[in-house]
Amino acid sequence: MSEIPVPECVVDKLLELNQLAEQYPDSIPLPAVAGFMGVADEGLRAYIDNNPNAFGFSWKRIGAVNRAYKIPTIRFYAWYRNGLGL
């Protein structure tokens, strides 16, 4: 049985993920993750706010108008590569 080749577009996306992790080793800015995933910032915020198992989290300080968001690099990297191994 021959091995199934990995499509070049998949390899390219994983290399892009690696570059994102190298550029932001601690946490990745929400706009960078949204751009990587090809979604609007607002959609990503809604996903994080409404999904308790999301790769990021948000908070709102007392008296603040806007929420803040944090996407830890290792958690996003592991979430994206789920099932693909490291």
PDB file of N, CA and C in Angstrom:
ATOM      1  N   MET A   1       0.842  -1.182   0.000  1.00  0.00           N
ATOM      2  CA  MET A   1       0.000   0.000   0.000  1.00  0.00           C
ATOM      3  C   MET A   1       0.887   1.245   0.000  1.00  0.00           C
ATOM      4  N   SER A   2       0.638   2.148  -0.910  1.00  0.00           N
ATOM      5  CA  SER A   2       1.457   3.359  -0.981  1.00  0.00           C
ATOM      6  C   SER A   2       0.882   4.436  -0.069  1.00  0.00           C
ATOM      7  N   GLU A   3       1.756   5.316   0.372  1.00  0.00           N
ATOM      8  CA  GLU A   3       1.325   6.402   1.250  1.00  0.00           C
ATOM      9  C   GLU A   3       0.598   7.463   0.450  1.00  0.00           C
ATOM     10  N   ILE A   4      -0.372   8.068   1.089  1.00  0.00           N
ATOM     11  CA  ILE A   4      -1.119   9.160   0.465  1.00  0.00           C
ATOM     12  C   ILE A   4      -0.320  10.438   0.692  1.00  0.00           C
ATOM     13  N   PRO A   5       0.010  11.168  -0.361  1.00  0.00           N
ATOM     14  CA  PRO A   5       0.788  12.397  -0.175  1.00  0.00           C
ATOM     15  C   PRO A   5      -0.046  13.477   0.503  1.00  0.00           C
ATOM     16  N   VAL A   6       0.620  14.290   1.296  1.00  0.00           N
ATOM     17  CA  VAL A   6      -0.033  15.423   1.954  1.00  0.00           C
ATOM     18  C   VAL A   6      -0.116  16.554   0.933  1.00  0.00           C
ATOM     19  N   PRO A   7      -1.312  17.105   0.724  1.00  0.00           N
ATOM     20  CA  PRO A   7      -1.444  18.194  -0.256  1.00  0.00           C
ATOM     21  C   PRO A   7      -0.561  19.382   0.117  1.00  0.00           C
ATOM     22  N   GLU A   8      -0.001  20.000  -0.901  1.00  0.00           N
ATOM     23  CA  GLU A   8       0.889  21.138  -0.682  1.00  0.00           C
ATOM     24  C   GLU A   8       0.204  22.266   0.080  1.00  0.00           C
ATOM     25  N   CYS A   9      -1.096  22.474  -0.158  1.00  0.00           N
ATOM     26  CA  CYS A   9      -1.811  23.550   0.543  1.00  0.00           C
ATOM     27  C   CYS A   9      -1.871  23.284   2.048  1.00  0.00           C
ATOM     28  N   VAL A  10      -1.935  22.012   2.450  1.00  0.00           N
ATOM     29  CA  VAL A  10      -1.939  21.660   3.873  1.00  0.00           C
ATOM     30  C   VAL A  10      -0.563  21.914   4.473  1.00  0.00           C
ATOM     31  N   VAL A  11       0.464  21.500   3.771  1.00  0.00           N
ATOM     32  CA  VAL A  11       1.835  21.733   4.228  1.00  0.00           C
ATOM     33  C   VAL A  11       2.086  23.233   4.365  1.00  0.00           C
ATOM     34  N   ASP A  12       1.646  24.013   3.384  1.00  0.00           N
ATOM     35  CA  ASP A  12       1.836  25.473   3.422  1.00  0.00           C
ATOM     36  C   ASP A  12       1.143  26.089   4.629  1.00  0.00           C
ATOM     37  N   LYS A  13      -0.073  25.602   4.944  1.00  0.00           N
ATOM     38  CA  LYS A  13      -0.819  26.155   6.078  1.00  0.00           C
ATOM     39  C   LYS A  13      -0.128  25.814   7.389  1.00  0.00           C
ATOM     40  N   LEU A  14       0.408  24.610   7.510  1.00  0.00           N
ATOM     41  CA  LEU A  14       1.124  24.232   8.721  1.00  0.00           C
ATOM     42  C   LEU A  14       2.427  25.016   8.870  1.00  0.00           C
ATOM     43  N   LEU A  15       3.092  25.299   7.760  1.00  0.00           N
ATOM     44  CA  LEU A  15       4.292  26.142   7.823  1.00  0.00           C
ATOM     45  C   LEU A  15       3.924  27.563   8.242  1.00  0.00           C
ATOM     46  N   GLU A  16       2.779  28.042   7.769  1.00  0.00           N
ATOM     47  CA  GLU A  16       2.297  29.371   8.178  1.00  0.00           C
ATOM     48  C   GLU A  16       1.986  29.382   9.681  1.00  0.00           C
ATOM     49  N   LEU A  17       1.400  28.295  10.185  1.00  0.00           N
ATOM     50  CA  LEU A  17       1.139  28.169  11.625  1.00  0.00           C
ATOM     51  C   LEU A  17       2.441  28.203  12.411  1.00  0.00           C
ATOM     52  N   ASN A  18       3.454  27.503  11.930  1.00  0.00           N
ATOM     53  CA  ASN A  18       4.758  27.513  12.597  1.00  0.00           C
ATOM     54  C   ASN A  18       5.348  28.918  12.632  1.00  0.00           C
ATOM     55  N   GLN A  19       5.222  29.654  11.543  1.00  0.00           N
ATOM     56  CA  GLN A  19       5.726  31.025  11.495  1.00  0.00           C
ATOM     57  C   GLN A  19       4.993  31.916  12.486  1.00  0.00           C
ATOM     58  N   LEU A  20       3.690  31.722  12.604  1.00  0.00           N
ATOM     59  CA  LEU A  20       2.885  32.488  13.556  1.00  0.00           C
ATOM     60  C   LEU A  20       3.356  32.211  14.987  1.00  0.00           C
ATOM     61  N   ALA A  21       3.610  30.950  15.286  1.00  0.00           N
ATOM     62  CA  ALA A  21       4.090  30.576  16.628  1.00  0.00           C
ATOM     63  C   ALA A  21       5.481  31.146  16.895  1.00  0.00           C
ATOM     64  N   GLU A  22       6.332  31.157  15.906  1.00  0.00           N
ATOM     65  CA  GLU A  22       7.671  31.732  16.075  1.00  0.00           C
ATOM     66  C   GLU A  22       7.598  33.240  16.293  1.00  0.00           C
ATOM     67  N   GLN A  23       6.712  33.896  15.566  1.00  0.00           N
ATOM     68  CA  GLN A  23       6.574  35.347  15.671  1.00  0.00           C
ATOM     69  C   GLN A  23       5.959  35.763  17.002  1.00  0.00           C
ATOM     70  N   TYR A  24       5.029  34.964  17.509  1.00  0.00           N
ATOM     71  CA  TYR A  24       4.326  35.266  18.762  1.00  0.00           C
ATOM     72  C   TYR A  24       4.439  34.062  19.695  1.00  0.00           C
ATOM     73  N   PRO A  25       5.576  33.873  20.367  1.00  0.00           N
ATOM     74  CA  PRO A  25       5.789  32.663  21.160  1.00  0.00           C
ATOM     75  C   PRO A  25       4.924  32.540  22.417  1.00  0.00           C
ATOM     76  N   ASP A  26       4.438  33.649  22.965  1.00  0.00           N
ATOM     77  CA  ASP A  26       3.642  33.589  24.193  1.00  0.00           C
ATOM     78  C   ASP A  26       2.145  33.641  23.931  1.00  0.00           C
ATOM     79  N   SER A  27       1.716  34.635  23.191  1.00  0.00           N
ATOM     80  CA  SER A  27       0.302  34.743  22.823  1.00  0.00           C
ATOM     81  C   SER A  27       0.200  35.434  21.468  1.00  0.00           C
ATOM     82  N   ILE A  28      -0.809  35.017  20.716  1.00  0.00           N
ATOM     83  CA  ILE A  28      -0.991  35.530  19.356  1.00  0.00           C
ATOM     84  C   ILE A  28      -2.103  36.565  19.375  1.00  0.00           C
ATOM     85  N   PRO A  29      -1.884  37.745  18.812  1.00  0.00           N
ATOM     86  CA  PRO A  29      -2.946  38.750  18.772  1.00  0.00           C
ATOM     87  C   PRO A  29      -4.164  38.232  18.008  1.00  0.00           C
ATOM     88  N   LEU A  30      -5.332  38.581  18.493  1.00  0.00           N
ATOM     89  CA  LEU A  30      -6.568  38.130  17.869  1.00  0.00           C
ATOM     90  C   LEU A  30      -6.619  38.450  16.378  1.00  0.00           C
ATOM     91  N   PRO A  31      -6.245  39.659  15.932  1.00  0.00           N
ATOM     92  CA  PRO A  31      -6.283  39.927  14.485  1.00  0.00           C
ATOM     93  C   PRO A  31      -5.377  38.999  13.669  1.00  0.00           C
ATOM     94  N   ALA A  32      -4.250  38.584  14.233  1.00  0.00           N
ATOM     95  CA  ALA A  32      -3.351  37.670  13.522  1.00  0.00           C
ATOM     96  C   ALA A  32      -3.985  36.288  13.377  1.00  0.00           C
ATOM     97  N   VAL A  33      -4.653  35.811  14.427  1.00  0.00           N
ATOM     98  CA  VAL A  33      -5.331  34.514  14.348  1.00  0.00           C
ATOM     99  C   VAL A  33      -6.493  34.593  13.365  1.00  0.00           C
ATOM    100  N   ALA A  34      -7.258  35.672  13.423  1.00  0.00           N
ATOM    101  CA  ALA A  34      -8.374  35.839  12.495  1.00  0.00           C
ATOM    102  C   ALA A  34      -7.884  35.838  11.044  1.00  0.00           C
ATOM    103  N   GLY A  35      -6.790  36.539  10.781  1.00  0.00           N
ATOM    104  CA  GLY A  35      -6.221  36.557   9.438  1.00  0.00           C
ATOM    105  C   GLY A  35      -5.752  35.182   9.002  1.00  0.00           C
ATOM    106  N   PHE A  36      -5.102  34.468   9.893  1.00  0.00           N
ATOM    107  CA  PHE A  36      -4.621  33.117   9.600  1.00  0.00           C
ATOM    108  C   PHE A  36      -5.785  32.188   9.250  1.00  0.00           C
ATOM    109  N   MET A  37      -6.889  32.331   9.987  1.00  0.00           N
ATOM    110  CA  MET A  37      -8.042  31.461   9.778  1.00  0.00           C
ATOM    111  C   MET A  37      -8.985  31.956   8.686  1.00  0.00           C
ATOM    112  N   GLY A  38      -8.781  33.181   8.230  1.00  0.00           N
ATOM    113  CA  GLY A  38      -9.632  33.719   7.178  1.00  0.00           C
ATOM    114  C   GLY A  38     -11.028  34.073   7.654  1.00  0.00           C
ATOM    115  N   VAL A  39     -11.117  34.562   8.889  1.00  0.00           N
ATOM    116  CA  VAL A  39     -12.408  34.969   9.450  1.00  0.00           C
ATOM    117  C   VAL A  39     -12.308  36.410   9.939  1.00  0.00           C
ATOM    118  N   ALA A  40     -13.447  37.028  10.138  1.00  0.00           N
ATOM    119  CA  ALA A  40     -13.489  38.390  10.663  1.00  0.00           C
ATOM    120  C   ALA A  40     -13.147  38.383  12.151  1.00  0.00           C
ATOM    121  N   ASP A  41     -12.524  39.463  12.599  1.00  0.00           N
ATOM    122  CA  ASP A  41     -12.202  39.606  14.023  1.00  0.00           C
ATOM    123  C   ASP A  41     -13.445  39.402  14.884  1.00  0.00           C
ATOM    124  N   GLU A  42     -14.564  39.985  14.466  1.00  0.00           N
ATOM    125  CA  GLU A  42     -15.800  39.911  15.245  1.00  0.00           C
ATOM    126  C   GLU A  42     -16.286  38.468  15.379  1.00  0.00           C
ATOM    127  N   GLY A  43     -16.152  37.697  14.316  1.00  0.00           N
ATOM    128  CA  GLY A  43     -16.554  36.295  14.356  1.00  0.00           C
ATOM    129  C   GLY A  43     -15.689  35.491  15.308  1.00  0.00           C
ATOM    130  N   LEU A  44     -14.393  35.762  15.305  1.00  0.00           N
ATOM    131  CA  LEU A  44     -13.492  35.066  16.213  1.00  0.00           C
ATOM    132  C   LEU A  44     -13.784  35.444  17.657  1.00  0.00           C
ATOM    133  N   ARG A  45     -14.067  36.714  17.902  1.00  0.00           N
ATOM    134  CA  ARG A  45     -14.441  37.142  19.255  1.00  0.00           C
ATOM    135  C   ARG A  45     -15.703  36.414  19.715  1.00  0.00           C
ATOM    136  N   ALA A  46     -16.689  36.321  18.843  1.00  0.00           N
ATOM    137  CA  ALA A  46     -17.937  35.630  19.183  1.00  0.00           C
ATOM    138  C   ALA A  46     -17.668  34.158  19.492  1.00  0.00           C
ATOM    139  N   TYR A  47     -16.803  33.511  18.718  1.00  0.00           N
ATOM    140  CA  TYR A  47     -16.467  32.109  18.960  1.00  0.00           C
ATOM    141  C   TYR A  47     -15.833  31.943  20.339  1.00  0.00           C
ATOM    142  N   ILE A  48     -14.856  32.782  20.654  1.00  0.00           N
ATOM    143  CA  ILE A  48     -14.177  32.685  21.948  1.00  0.00           C
ATOM    144  C   ILE A  48     -15.154  32.954  23.090  1.00  0.00           C
ATOM    145  N   ASP A  49     -16.002  33.972  22.935  1.00  0.00           N
ATOM    146  CA  ASP A  49     -16.946  34.329  23.990  1.00  0.00           C
ATOM    147  C   ASP A  49     -17.999  33.252  24.233  1.00  0.00           C
ATOM    148  N   ASN A  50     -18.354  32.496  23.205  1.00  0.00           N
ATOM    149  CA  ASN A  50     -19.465  31.545  23.317  1.00  0.00           C
ATOM    150  C   ASN A  50     -19.043  30.085  23.363  1.00  0.00           C
ATOM    151  N   ASN A  51     -17.745  29.822  23.411  1.00  0.00           N
ATOM    152  CA  ASN A  51     -17.267  28.446  23.413  1.00  0.00           C
ATOM    153  C   ASN A  51     -16.342  28.238  24.611  1.00  0.00           C
ATOM    154  N   PRO A  52     -16.812  27.521  25.629  1.00  0.00           N
ATOM    155  CA  PRO A  52     -15.975  27.321  26.820  1.00  0.00           C
ATOM    156  C   PRO A  52     -14.704  26.514  26.552  1.00  0.00           C
ATOM    157  N   ASN A  53     -14.645  25.812  25.434  1.00  0.00           N
ATOM    158  CA  ASN A  53     -13.454  25.022  25.088  1.00  0.00           C
ATOM    159  C   ASN A  53     -12.612  25.699  24.021  1.00  0.00           C
ATOM    160  N   ALA A  54     -12.798  26.991  23.850  1.00  0.00           N
ATOM    161  CA  ALA A  54     -12.055  27.731  22.830  1.00  0.00           C
ATOM    162  C   ALA A  54     -10.568  27.752  23.162  1.00  0.00           C
ATOM    163  N   PHE A  55      -9.777  28.071  22.164  1.00  0.00           N
ATOM    164  CA  PHE A  55      -8.322  28.145  22.302  1.00  0.00           C
ATOM    165  C   PHE A  55      -7.862  29.455  22.933  1.00  0.00           C
ATOM    166  N   GLY A  56      -8.800  30.371  23.169  1.00  0.00           N
ATOM    167  CA  GLY A  56      -8.480  31.654  23.789  1.00  0.00           C
ATOM    168  C   GLY A  56      -9.535  31.993  24.825  1.00  0.00           C
ATOM    169  N   PHE A  57      -9.334  33.106  25.503  1.00  0.00           N
ATOM    170  CA  PHE A  57     -10.304  33.523  26.513  1.00  0.00           C
ATOM    171  C   PHE A  57     -10.428  35.037  26.499  1.00  0.00           C
ATOM    172  N   SER A  58     -11.503  35.510  27.122  1.00  0.00           N
ATOM    173  CA  SER A  58     -11.749  36.945  27.169  1.00  0.00           C
ATOM    174  C   SER A  58     -12.191  37.333  28.569  1.00  0.00           C
ATOM    175  N   TRP A  59     -12.087  38.614  28.850  1.00  0.00           N
ATOM    176  CA  TRP A  59     -12.525  39.135  30.131  1.00  0.00           C
ATOM    177  C   TRP A  59     -12.907  40.601  29.961  1.00  0.00           C
ATOM    178  N   LYS A  60     -13.635  41.080  30.946  1.00  0.00           N
ATOM    179  CA  LYS A  60     -14.042  42.480  30.951  1.00  0.00           C
ATOM    180  C   LYS A  60     -13.886  42.998  32.368  1.00  0.00           C
ATOM    181  N   ARG A  61     -13.081  44.013  32.507  1.00  0.00           N
ATOM    182  CA  ARG A  61     -12.890  44.605  33.833  1.00  0.00           C
ATOM    183  C   ARG A  61     -14.128  45.385  34.246  1.00  0.00           C
ATOM    184  N   ILE A  62     -14.338  45.471  35.522  1.00  0.00           N
ATOM    185  CA  ILE A  62     -15.469  46.231  36.042  1.00  0.00           C
ATOM    186  C   ILE A  62     -15.359  47.677  35.567  1.00  0.00           C
ATOM    187  N   GLY A  63     -16.428  48.164  34.988  1.00  0.00           N
ATOM    188  CA  GLY A  63     -16.464  49.535  34.489  1.00  0.00           C
ATOM    189  C   GLY A  63     -15.919  49.703  33.084  1.00  0.00           C
ATOM    190  N   ALA A  64     -15.323  48.663  32.524  1.00  0.00           N
ATOM    191  CA  ALA A  64     -14.764  48.758  31.167  1.00  0.00           C
ATOM    192  C   ALA A  64     -15.883  48.635  30.134  1.00  0.00           C
ATOM    193  N   VAL A  65     -15.655  49.222  28.981  1.00  0.00           N
ATOM    194  CA  VAL A  65     -16.625  49.147  27.890  1.00  0.00           C
ATOM    195  C   VAL A  65     -16.361  47.914  27.023  1.00  0.00           C
ATOM    196  N   ASN A  66     -15.109  47.643  26.718  1.00  0.00           N
ATOM    197  CA  ASN A  66     -14.737  46.551  25.809  1.00  0.00           C
ATOM    198  C   ASN A  66     -14.152  45.366  26.560  1.00  0.00           C
ATOM    199  N   ARG A  67     -14.230  44.217  25.923  1.00  0.00           N
ATOM    200  CA  ARG A  67     -13.607  43.006  26.448  1.00  0.00           C
ATOM    201  C   ARG A  67     -12.168  42.929  25.935  1.00  0.00           C
ATOM    202  N   ALA A  68     -11.339  42.207  26.652  1.00  0.00           N
ATOM    203  CA  ALA A  68      -9.972  41.942  26.217  1.00  0.00           C
ATOM    204  C   ALA A  68      -9.881  40.450  25.874  1.00  0.00           C
ATOM    205  N   TYR A  69      -8.970  40.115  24.970  1.00  0.00           N
ATOM    206  CA  TYR A  69      -8.833  38.732  24.498  1.00  0.00           C
ATOM    207  C   TYR A  69      -7.375  38.298  24.555  1.00  0.00           C
ATOM    208  N   LYS A  70      -7.180  37.030  24.880  1.00  0.00           N
ATOM    209  CA  LYS A  70      -5.833  36.456  24.883  1.00  0.00           C
ATOM    210  C   LYS A  70      -5.912  35.077  24.243  1.00  0.00           C
ATOM    211  N   ILE A  71      -4.985  34.834  23.336  1.00  0.00           N
ATOM    212  CA  ILE A  71      -4.898  33.538  22.667  1.00  0.00           C
ATOM    213  C   ILE A  71      -3.489  32.990  22.907  1.00  0.00           C
ATOM    214  N   PRO A  72      -3.345  32.116  23.903  1.00  0.00           N
ATOM    215  CA  PRO A  72      -2.028  31.539  24.167  1.00  0.00           C
ATOM    216  C   PRO A  72      -1.540  30.738  22.958  1.00  0.00           C
ATOM    217  N   THR A  73      -0.306  30.953  22.588  1.00  0.00           N
ATOM    218  CA  THR A  73       0.258  30.326  21.396  1.00  0.00           C
ATOM    219  C   THR A  73       0.180  28.809  21.451  1.00  0.00           C
ATOM    220  N   ILE A  74       0.625  28.214  22.544  1.00  0.00           N
ATOM    221  CA  ILE A  74       0.667  26.751  22.618  1.00  0.00           C
ATOM    222  C   ILE A  74      -0.730  26.150  22.533  1.00  0.00           C
ATOM    223  N   ARG A  75      -1.699  26.817  23.153  1.00  0.00           N
ATOM    224  CA  ARG A  75      -3.068  26.284  23.114  1.00  0.00           C
ATOM    225  C   ARG A  75      -3.650  26.374  21.698  1.00  0.00           C
ATOM    226  N   PHE A  76      -3.427  27.498  21.011  1.00  0.00           N
ATOM    227  CA  PHE A  76      -3.924  27.625  19.646  1.00  0.00           C
ATOM    228  C   PHE A  76      -3.226  26.633  18.724  1.00  0.00           C
ATOM    229  N   TYR A  77      -1.914  26.511  18.880  1.00  0.00           N
ATOM    230  CA  TYR A  77      -1.140  25.589  18.046  1.00  0.00           C
ATOM    231  C   TYR A  77      -1.649  24.158  18.210  1.00  0.00           C
ATOM    232  N   ALA A  78      -1.840  23.733  19.462  1.00  0.00           N
ATOM    233  CA  ALA A  78      -2.321  22.378  19.726  1.00  0.00           C
ATOM    234  C   ALA A  78      -3.751  22.192  19.211  1.00  0.00           C
ATOM    235  N   TRP A  79      -4.603  23.209  19.374  1.00  0.00           N
ATOM    236  CA  TRP A  79      -5.980  23.130  18.881  1.00  0.00           C
ATOM    237  C   TRP A  79      -5.995  22.973  17.364  1.00  0.00           C
ATOM    238  N   TYR A  80      -5.204  23.770  16.684  1.00  0.00           N
ATOM    239  CA  TYR A  80      -5.202  23.734  15.211  1.00  0.00           C
ATOM    240  C   TYR A  80      -4.669  22.396  14.697  1.00  0.00           C
ATOM    241  N   ARG A  81      -3.667  21.865  15.377  1.00  0.00           N
ATOM    242  CA  ARG A  81      -3.047  20.607  14.936  1.00  0.00           C
ATOM    243  C   ARG A  81      -3.722  19.380  15.525  1.00  0.00           C
ATOM    244  N   ASN A  82      -4.854  19.546  16.156  1.00  0.00           N
ATOM    245  CA  ASN A  82      -5.572  18.437  16.785  1.00  0.00           C
ATOM    246  C   ASN A  82      -5.655  17.231  15.841  1.00  0.00           C
ATOM    247  N   GLY A  83      -5.139  16.118  16.324  1.00  0.00           N
ATOM    248  CA  GLY A  83      -5.212  14.900  15.526  1.00  0.00           C
ATOM    249  C   GLY A  83      -4.083  14.738  14.525  1.00  0.00           C
ATOM    250  N   LEU A  84      -3.265  15.761  14.351  1.00  0.00           N
ATOM    251  CA  LEU A  84      -2.168  15.673  13.384  1.00  0.00           C
ATOM    252  C   LEU A  84      -0.841  15.355  14.049  1.00  0.00           C
ATOM    253  N   GLY A  85      -0.814  15.403  15.371  1.00  0.00           N
ATOM    254  CA  GLY A  85       0.421  15.147  16.098  1.00  0.00           C
ATOM    255  C   GLY A  85       1.366  16.314  16.020  1.00  0.00           C
ATOM    256  N   LEU A  86       2.399  16.264  16.816  1.00  0.00           N
ATOM    257  CA  LEU A  86       3.396  17.315  16.831  1.00  0.00           C
ATOM    258  C   LEU A  86       4.660  16.773  16.220  1.00  0.00           C
TER     259      LEU A  86
END
